[in-house]
């Protein structure tokens, strides 16, 4: 659909996480799996940035862990380590 927009959250593949962050992900993943909502998909941000324009989404905004901490929780810039983790992405079709 022209001029449509999607917003979704995703997580990078666990093997791309630093070991301490990977351990932190294990408990929540087990909890949601036990509740019937297992983490089934993981995405590479660079791959999404290549694939979404092919699907017609020309405007992308992908927030990683550090950007979300600043935007949603008021964390000081640089106060949160970057690296692999959760994301929120907004993609809009133009036209």
Protein backbone atom coordinates (compact mmCIF):
# COMPACT_ATOMS: atom_id res chain seq x y z
CA UNK A 1 0.00 0.00 0.00
CA UNK A 2 1.38 3.42 -0.87
CA UNK A 3 2.18 5.75 2.01
CA UNK A 4 1.91 2.92 4.56
CA UNK A 5 4.06 2.53 7.63
CA UNK A 6 5.12 -0.32 9.91
CA UNK A 7 6.61 -0.19 13.39
CA UNK A 8 7.92 -3.27 15.12
CA UNK A 9 10.46 -4.40 17.65
CA UNK A 10 13.03 -7.07 17.02
CA UNK A 11 16.14 -8.52 18.51
CA UNK A 12 19.44 -9.28 16.89
CA UNK A 13 20.59 -12.92 16.79
CA UNK A 14 21.73 -14.01 20.29
CA UNK A 15 25.12 -15.14 18.96
CA UNK A 16 25.92 -11.49 18.12
CA UNK A 17 25.46 -10.41 21.75
CA UNK A 18 28.36 -9.94 24.12
CA UNK A 19 28.43 -12.96 26.50
CA UNK A 20 27.15 -10.99 29.52
CA UNK A 21 24.27 -9.52 27.51
CA UNK A 22 23.44 -12.94 26.05
CA UNK A 23 23.13 -14.34 29.58
CA UNK A 24 20.78 -11.47 30.49
CA UNK A 25 18.51 -12.39 27.51
CA UNK A 26 18.19 -16.05 28.49
CA UNK A 27 15.81 -15.62 31.46
CA UNK A 28 13.22 -13.39 29.70
CA UNK A 29 13.34 -15.61 26.62
CA UNK A 30 12.58 -18.68 28.77
CA UNK A 31 9.71 -16.84 30.54
CA UNK A 32 7.96 -15.77 27.35
CA UNK A 33 8.50 -19.21 25.78
CA UNK A 34 6.85 -20.81 28.83
CA UNK A 35 3.91 -18.43 28.33
CA UNK A 36 3.54 -19.62 24.73
CA UNK A 37 5.34 -16.73 23.02
CA UNK A 38 8.82 -18.02 22.12
CA UNK A 39 11.33 -15.79 20.38
CA UNK A 40 11.26 -17.28 16.89
CA UNK A 41 12.86 -14.64 14.71
CA UNK A 42 15.95 -12.50 15.01
CA UNK A 43 17.12 -9.95 12.48
CA UNK A 44 20.39 -8.36 11.47
CA UNK A 45 19.97 -4.55 11.34
CA UNK A 46 22.15 -4.25 8.22
CA UNK A 47 20.07 -6.89 6.42
CA UNK A 48 16.81 -5.14 7.35
CA UNK A 49 18.26 -1.86 6.08
CA UNK A 50 18.89 -3.59 2.72
CA UNK A 51 15.64 -5.60 2.51
CA UNK A 52 13.04 -3.00 3.54
CA UNK A 53 13.84 -0.62 0.64
CA UNK A 54 13.44 -3.55 -1.77
CA UNK A 55 9.89 -3.89 -0.38
CA UNK A 56 9.26 -0.19 -1.06
CA UNK A 57 10.05 1.26 2.36
CA UNK A 58 12.22 4.27 1.63
CA UNK A 59 12.22 5.95 5.04
CA UNK A 60 13.73 3.90 7.89
CA UNK A 61 14.39 4.75 11.51
CA UNK A 62 15.97 1.93 13.53
CA UNK A 63 16.66 2.55 17.21
CA UNK A 64 19.11 0.27 19.00
CA UNK A 65 19.52 -0.19 22.73
CA UNK A 66 21.50 3.01 23.35
CA UNK A 67 19.15 5.18 21.25
CA UNK A 68 16.08 3.74 23.00
CA UNK A 69 17.62 4.39 26.42
CA UNK A 70 18.15 8.05 25.53
CA UNK A 71 14.78 8.57 23.83
CA UNK A 72 12.44 6.63 26.12
CA UNK A 73 14.20 6.64 29.49
CA UNK A 74 16.17 9.89 29.42
CA UNK A 75 19.51 8.14 29.79
CA UNK A 76 22.52 10.35 29.21
CA UNK A 77 24.01 10.06 25.75
CA UNK A 78 26.85 7.60 26.00
CA UNK A 79 25.50 6.27 29.29
CA UNK A 80 24.37 2.99 27.73
CA UNK A 81 26.69 0.66 25.89
CA UNK A 82 25.84 -0.05 22.28
CA UNK A 83 26.27 -3.37 20.59
CA UNK A 84 23.83 -6.12 19.71
CA UNK A 85 20.48 -6.07 21.42
CA UNK A 86 16.85 -5.08 21.02
CA UNK A 87 15.61 -2.61 18.40
CA UNK A 88 12.50 -0.68 17.47
CA UNK A 89 12.18 0.12 13.77
CA UNK A 90 9.84 2.38 11.83
CA UNK A 91 9.66 1.98 8.07
CA UNK A 92 7.52 4.13 5.79
CA UNK A 93 6.61 3.73 2.16
CA UNK A 94 6.84 6.97 0.28
CA UNK A 95 4.43 7.62 -2.56
